[in-house]
N, C-alpha and C. Protein backbone atom coordinates (compact mmCIF):
# COMPACT_ATOMS: atom_id res chain seq x y z
N UNK A 1 103.12 90.36 103.10
CA UNK A 1 102.58 90.19 104.42
C UNK A 1 101.08 89.92 104.27
N UNK A 2 100.61 88.78 104.76
CA UNK A 2 99.20 88.45 104.58
C UNK A 2 98.30 89.30 105.47
N UNK A 3 98.75 89.62 106.66
CA UNK A 3 97.99 90.47 107.57
C UNK A 3 98.80 91.75 107.78
N UNK A 4 98.20 92.90 107.50
CA UNK A 4 98.95 94.15 107.65
C UNK A 4 99.46 94.34 109.08
N UNK A 5 100.66 94.86 109.19
CA UNK A 5 101.28 95.16 110.47
C UNK A 5 100.48 96.26 111.15
N UNK A 6 99.95 95.97 112.34
CA UNK A 6 99.08 96.93 113.04
C UNK A 6 99.82 98.23 113.38
N UNK A 7 101.10 98.14 113.70
CA UNK A 7 101.86 99.35 114.01
C UNK A 7 102.00 100.23 112.77
N UNK A 8 102.23 99.61 111.63
CA UNK A 8 102.33 100.36 110.38
C UNK A 8 100.98 101.00 110.02
N UNK A 9 99.90 100.29 110.26
CA UNK A 9 98.56 100.85 110.04
C UNK A 9 98.35 102.05 110.96
N UNK A 10 98.80 101.94 112.21
CA UNK A 10 98.67 103.06 113.16
C UNK A 10 99.47 104.28 112.70
N UNK A 11 100.66 104.04 112.14
CA UNK A 11 101.47 105.15 111.62
C UNK A 11 100.73 105.84 110.48
N UNK A 12 100.19 105.04 109.56
CA UNK A 12 99.44 105.61 108.43
C UNK A 12 98.22 106.38 108.93
N UNK A 13 97.54 105.85 109.94
CA UNK A 13 96.36 106.52 110.49
C UNK A 13 96.75 107.85 111.15
N UNK A 14 97.89 107.90 111.80
CA UNK A 14 98.35 109.15 112.42
C UNK A 14 98.69 110.18 111.36
N UNK A 15 99.34 109.76 110.28
CA UNK A 15 99.63 110.69 109.18
C UNK A 15 98.31 111.26 108.64
N UNK A 16 97.31 110.40 108.48
CA UNK A 16 96.00 110.85 107.98
C UNK A 16 95.32 111.80 108.96
N UNK A 17 95.31 111.45 110.22
CA UNK A 17 94.57 112.25 111.20
C UNK A 17 95.24 113.59 111.49
N UNK A 18 96.56 113.61 111.47
CA UNK A 18 97.30 114.84 111.74
C UNK A 18 97.52 115.67 110.48
N UNK A 19 97.24 115.08 109.31
CA UNK A 19 97.49 115.74 108.02
C UNK A 19 98.93 116.25 107.95
N UNK A 20 99.87 115.37 108.30
CA UNK A 20 101.28 115.72 108.32
C UNK A 20 102.04 115.02 107.21
N UNK A 21 103.08 115.67 106.71
CA UNK A 21 103.95 115.07 105.70
C UNK A 21 105.38 114.96 106.22
N UNK A 22 105.51 114.84 107.52
CA UNK A 22 106.83 114.84 108.13
C UNK A 22 107.35 113.45 108.52
N UNK A 23 106.56 112.40 108.34
CA UNK A 23 106.96 111.06 108.75
C UNK A 23 107.79 110.39 107.67
N UNK A 24 109.07 110.21 107.93
CA UNK A 24 109.95 109.51 107.00
C UNK A 24 109.88 108.01 107.28
N UNK A 25 109.84 107.23 106.21
CA UNK A 25 109.68 105.79 106.35
C UNK A 25 110.40 105.09 105.20
N UNK A 26 110.93 103.91 105.49
CA UNK A 26 111.53 103.05 104.47
C UNK A 26 110.83 101.70 104.55
N UNK A 27 110.39 101.20 103.41
CA UNK A 27 109.67 99.92 103.38
C UNK A 27 110.30 98.99 102.35
N UNK A 28 110.07 97.70 102.55
CA UNK A 28 110.46 96.69 101.57
C UNK A 28 109.16 96.09 101.04
N UNK A 29 109.00 96.14 99.71
CA UNK A 29 107.80 95.64 99.06
C UNK A 29 108.23 94.75 97.89
N UNK A 30 107.95 93.46 97.98
CA UNK A 30 108.33 92.51 96.94
C UNK A 30 109.81 92.64 96.58
N UNK A 31 110.65 92.84 97.59
CA UNK A 31 112.09 92.93 97.39
C UNK A 31 112.61 94.31 97.05
N UNK A 32 111.74 95.24 96.73
CA UNK A 32 112.16 96.62 96.42
C UNK A 32 112.19 97.44 97.71
N UNK A 33 113.23 98.26 97.85
CA UNK A 33 113.34 99.14 99.01
C UNK A 33 112.92 100.54 98.56
N UNK A 34 111.91 101.08 99.23
CA UNK A 34 111.37 102.40 98.90
C UNK A 34 111.50 103.27 100.14
N UNK A 35 112.06 104.45 99.96
CA UNK A 35 112.30 105.34 101.08
C UNK A 35 111.77 106.73 100.76
N UNK A 36 111.20 107.38 101.73
CA UNK A 36 110.67 108.72 101.51
C UNK A 36 109.81 109.18 102.67
N UNK A 37 108.94 110.15 102.39
CA UNK A 37 108.05 110.68 103.42
C UNK A 37 106.61 110.34 103.09
N UNK A 38 105.87 110.02 104.15
CA UNK A 38 104.46 109.72 103.97
C UNK A 38 103.66 111.02 103.86
N UNK A 39 102.58 110.96 103.13
CA UNK A 39 101.67 112.09 103.00
C UNK A 39 100.25 111.57 103.24
N UNK A 40 99.37 112.42 103.74
CA UNK A 40 97.97 112.02 103.81
C UNK A 40 97.46 111.75 102.38
N UNK A 41 96.53 110.81 102.26
CA UNK A 41 96.04 110.44 100.93
C UNK A 41 95.51 111.65 100.16
N UNK A 42 94.77 112.54 100.81
CA UNK A 42 94.20 113.69 100.09
C UNK A 42 95.28 114.61 99.55
N UNK A 43 96.36 114.79 100.31
CA UNK A 43 97.48 115.62 99.85
C UNK A 43 98.18 114.95 98.68
N UNK A 44 98.40 113.64 98.80
CA UNK A 44 99.05 112.87 97.74
C UNK A 44 98.24 112.94 96.46
N UNK A 45 96.93 112.72 96.56
CA UNK A 45 96.06 112.77 95.38
C UNK A 45 96.10 114.15 94.73
N UNK A 46 96.06 115.19 95.56
CA UNK A 46 96.08 116.55 95.03
C UNK A 46 97.37 116.82 94.26
N UNK A 47 98.51 116.38 94.80
CA UNK A 47 99.79 116.61 94.13
C UNK A 47 99.89 115.84 92.82
N UNK A 48 99.42 114.59 92.82
CA UNK A 48 99.44 113.81 91.58
C UNK A 48 98.54 114.47 90.55
N UNK A 49 97.35 114.92 90.96
CA UNK A 49 96.43 115.58 90.04
C UNK A 49 97.05 116.84 89.45
N UNK A 50 97.79 117.60 90.25
CA UNK A 50 98.44 118.82 89.76
C UNK A 50 99.47 118.50 88.67
N UNK A 51 100.25 117.45 88.90
CA UNK A 51 101.26 117.06 87.91
C UNK A 51 100.58 116.62 86.62
N UNK A 52 99.53 115.83 86.74
CA UNK A 52 98.83 115.35 85.55
C UNK A 52 98.15 116.50 84.81
N UNK A 53 97.58 117.43 85.54
CA UNK A 53 96.87 118.56 84.94
C UNK A 53 97.81 119.38 84.06
N UNK A 54 99.09 119.45 84.45
CA UNK A 54 100.07 120.23 83.70
C UNK A 54 100.59 119.52 82.45
N UNK A 55 100.19 118.27 82.24
CA UNK A 55 100.65 117.49 81.11
C UNK A 55 99.63 117.55 79.96
N UNK A 56 100.12 117.77 78.75
CA UNK A 56 99.23 117.79 77.59
C UNK A 56 98.58 116.42 77.36
N UNK A 57 99.37 115.35 77.51
CA UNK A 57 98.86 114.02 77.23
C UNK A 57 98.10 113.41 78.40
N UNK A 58 98.49 113.74 79.63
CA UNK A 58 97.91 113.07 80.79
C UNK A 58 96.87 113.90 81.53
N UNK A 59 96.64 115.13 81.08
CA UNK A 59 95.68 116.02 81.72
C UNK A 59 94.32 115.41 81.99
N UNK A 60 93.76 114.62 81.04
CA UNK A 60 92.43 114.04 81.28
C UNK A 60 92.36 113.12 82.50
N UNK A 61 93.50 112.62 82.97
CA UNK A 61 93.49 111.71 84.12
C UNK A 61 93.52 112.44 85.46
N UNK A 62 93.73 113.74 85.45
CA UNK A 62 93.87 114.51 86.69
C UNK A 62 92.64 114.35 87.58
N UNK A 63 91.45 114.36 86.98
CA UNK A 63 90.22 114.23 87.76
C UNK A 63 90.12 112.92 88.51
N UNK A 64 90.74 111.88 87.98
CA UNK A 64 90.72 110.57 88.63
C UNK A 64 91.39 110.63 90.00
N UNK A 65 92.38 111.51 90.14
CA UNK A 65 93.14 111.60 91.38
C UNK A 65 92.61 112.65 92.35
N UNK A 66 91.59 113.40 91.93
CA UNK A 66 91.02 114.40 92.83
C UNK A 66 90.58 113.70 94.11
N UNK A 67 90.91 114.28 95.26
CA UNK A 67 90.52 113.63 96.53
C UNK A 67 89.02 113.40 96.60
N UNK A 68 88.59 112.23 97.09
CA UNK A 68 87.15 111.98 97.22
C UNK A 68 86.53 113.04 98.14
N UNK A 69 85.42 113.60 97.75
CA UNK A 69 84.76 114.60 98.57
C UNK A 69 85.38 115.98 98.46
N UNK A 70 86.34 116.15 97.55
CA UNK A 70 86.94 117.47 97.36
C UNK A 70 88.27 117.60 98.05
N UNK A 71 88.91 118.74 97.85
CA UNK A 71 90.23 119.00 98.41
C UNK A 71 90.19 119.00 99.92
N UNK A 72 91.17 118.35 100.52
CA UNK A 72 91.31 118.37 101.96
C UNK A 72 90.48 117.35 102.71
N UNK A 73 89.66 116.58 102.04
CA UNK A 73 88.86 115.59 102.76
C UNK A 73 89.74 114.41 103.16
N UNK A 74 89.37 113.79 104.25
CA UNK A 74 90.14 112.67 104.77
C UNK A 74 89.36 111.38 104.54
N UNK A 75 90.08 110.32 104.09
CA UNK A 75 89.39 109.04 103.91
C UNK A 75 88.92 108.51 105.26
N UNK A 76 87.80 107.82 105.26
CA UNK A 76 87.32 107.25 106.51
C UNK A 76 87.79 105.81 106.62
N UNK A 77 87.81 105.30 107.83
CA UNK A 77 88.19 103.92 108.05
C UNK A 77 89.69 103.73 108.23
N UNK A 78 90.07 102.48 108.32
CA UNK A 78 91.47 102.11 108.53
C UNK A 78 92.23 102.26 107.22
N UNK A 79 93.41 102.91 107.27
CA UNK A 79 94.19 103.04 106.03
C UNK A 79 94.61 101.69 105.48
N UNK A 80 94.57 101.56 104.16
CA UNK A 80 94.99 100.33 103.50
C UNK A 80 96.25 100.55 102.66
N UNK A 81 96.61 101.83 102.46
CA UNK A 81 97.76 102.16 101.63
C UNK A 81 98.63 103.22 102.29
N UNK A 82 99.90 103.17 101.94
CA UNK A 82 100.84 104.23 102.31
C UNK A 82 100.99 105.13 101.10
N UNK A 83 101.02 106.41 101.31
CA UNK A 83 101.15 107.38 100.22
C UNK A 83 102.46 108.13 100.41
N UNK A 84 103.44 107.80 99.58
CA UNK A 84 104.77 108.41 99.67
C UNK A 84 104.90 109.57 98.71
N UNK A 85 105.58 110.61 99.14
CA UNK A 85 106.01 111.67 98.24
C UNK A 85 107.48 111.90 98.54
N UNK A 86 108.19 112.50 97.62
CA UNK A 86 109.64 112.68 97.72
C UNK A 86 110.27 111.32 98.03
N UNK A 87 109.81 110.30 97.33
CA UNK A 87 110.26 108.93 97.59
C UNK A 87 111.14 108.42 96.47
N UNK A 88 112.02 107.50 96.84
CA UNK A 88 112.92 106.90 95.86
C UNK A 88 112.94 105.39 96.05
N UNK A 89 113.08 104.68 94.94
CA UNK A 89 113.34 103.25 94.97
C UNK A 89 114.85 103.10 95.00
N UNK A 90 115.35 102.42 96.01
CA UNK A 90 116.80 102.27 96.13
C UNK A 90 117.27 101.11 95.26
N UNK A 91 118.21 101.43 94.38
CA UNK A 91 118.77 100.44 93.45
C UNK A 91 120.28 100.58 93.53
N UNK A 92 120.92 99.63 94.18
CA UNK A 92 122.38 99.74 94.35
C UNK A 92 122.71 100.98 95.15
N UNK A 93 123.55 101.83 94.58
CA UNK A 93 123.95 103.04 95.29
C UNK A 93 123.23 104.29 94.78
N UNK A 94 122.11 104.11 94.11
CA UNK A 94 121.34 105.25 93.64
C UNK A 94 119.89 105.10 94.06
N UNK A 95 119.22 106.22 94.15
CA UNK A 95 117.79 106.24 94.39
C UNK A 95 117.11 106.78 93.16
N UNK A 96 116.08 106.09 92.68
CA UNK A 96 115.39 106.55 91.48
C UNK A 96 113.93 106.83 91.79
N UNK A 97 113.39 107.91 91.28
CA UNK A 97 114.10 108.99 90.59
C UNK A 97 114.89 109.84 91.59
N UNK A 98 115.92 110.51 91.11
CA UNK A 98 116.79 111.30 91.98
C UNK A 98 116.03 112.36 92.75
N UNK A 99 115.04 112.96 92.12
CA UNK A 99 114.29 114.04 92.75
C UNK A 99 113.16 113.53 93.64
N UNK A 100 112.90 112.26 93.60
CA UNK A 100 111.81 111.70 94.39
C UNK A 100 110.53 111.60 93.58
N UNK A 101 109.73 110.62 93.89
CA UNK A 101 108.49 110.40 93.17
C UNK A 101 107.33 110.20 94.12
N UNK A 102 106.17 109.93 93.55
CA UNK A 102 104.94 109.72 94.30
C UNK A 102 104.56 108.24 94.17
N UNK A 103 104.48 107.53 95.29
CA UNK A 103 104.17 106.11 95.26
C UNK A 103 103.02 105.81 96.20
N UNK A 104 102.15 104.91 95.78
CA UNK A 104 101.05 104.40 96.61
C UNK A 104 101.32 102.92 96.80
N UNK A 105 101.42 102.49 98.04
CA UNK A 105 101.81 101.11 98.35
C UNK A 105 100.78 100.49 99.29
N UNK A 106 100.31 99.31 98.95
CA UNK A 106 99.38 98.59 99.82
C UNK A 106 100.12 98.16 101.09
N UNK A 107 99.57 98.49 102.23
CA UNK A 107 100.21 98.14 103.51
C UNK A 107 100.36 96.63 103.63
N UNK A 108 99.42 95.87 103.10
CA UNK A 108 99.50 94.40 103.21
C UNK A 108 100.69 93.83 102.44
N UNK A 109 101.25 94.60 101.48
CA UNK A 109 102.38 94.13 100.70
C UNK A 109 103.74 94.45 101.33
N UNK A 110 103.75 95.20 102.41
CA UNK A 110 105.01 95.58 103.06
C UNK A 110 105.51 94.41 103.89
N UNK A 111 106.74 93.95 103.59
CA UNK A 111 107.30 92.82 104.34
C UNK A 111 108.26 93.25 105.44
N UNK A 112 108.79 94.48 105.34
CA UNK A 112 109.68 95.01 106.37
C UNK A 112 109.65 96.52 106.27
N UNK A 113 109.94 97.20 107.37
CA UNK A 113 109.96 98.66 107.35
C UNK A 113 110.77 99.19 108.51
N UNK A 114 111.18 100.43 108.38
CA UNK A 114 111.88 101.13 109.46
C UNK A 114 111.54 102.61 109.38
N UNK A 115 111.55 103.25 110.51
CA UNK A 115 111.32 104.69 110.56
C UNK A 115 112.57 105.38 110.04
N UNK A 116 112.38 106.41 109.24
CA UNK A 116 113.50 107.16 108.67
C UNK A 116 113.66 106.83 107.21
N UNK A 117 114.43 107.68 106.53
CA UNK A 117 114.69 107.42 105.12
C UNK A 117 116.19 107.35 104.90
N UNK A 118 116.57 106.76 103.79
CA UNK A 118 117.98 106.61 103.45
C UNK A 118 118.34 107.64 102.40
N UNK A 119 119.48 108.23 102.57
CA UNK A 119 119.99 109.14 101.56
C UNK A 119 121.43 108.78 101.29
N UNK A 120 121.89 109.14 100.13
CA UNK A 120 123.25 108.82 99.72
C UNK A 120 124.09 110.08 99.71
N UNK A 121 125.37 109.87 99.93
CA UNK A 121 126.30 110.99 99.76
C UNK A 121 127.50 110.48 98.98
N UNK A 122 128.16 111.38 98.30
CA UNK A 122 129.32 111.01 97.48
C UNK A 122 130.59 110.95 98.31
N UNK A 123 130.52 111.16 99.57
CA UNK A 123 131.73 111.20 100.41
C UNK A 123 132.20 109.83 100.78
């Protein structure tokens, strides 16, 4: 998408302003379907930093993900990215990773989206 969808930008801005992680969203980016819940950027950065900090090999990168201005600070301006947690890339009848991952997606790259997430059942 050459121009970001204004409604999608508004959704991202609401997630940021309310500091909520309850908005489920599914997006299509370059043909990949990604489904999960949005998180405010500062929360997303903090969680990624925690995972990296616990790794022997990746620990030095944890500081890179520390939220700008410290924990809990909110980015200023119009959001340019969606920050997913508990997210999966849908591939056929499976979502990878099964437990969900952390994804940062440029809003301008989203070609389609819908509110809600997809889950699979074996029934």
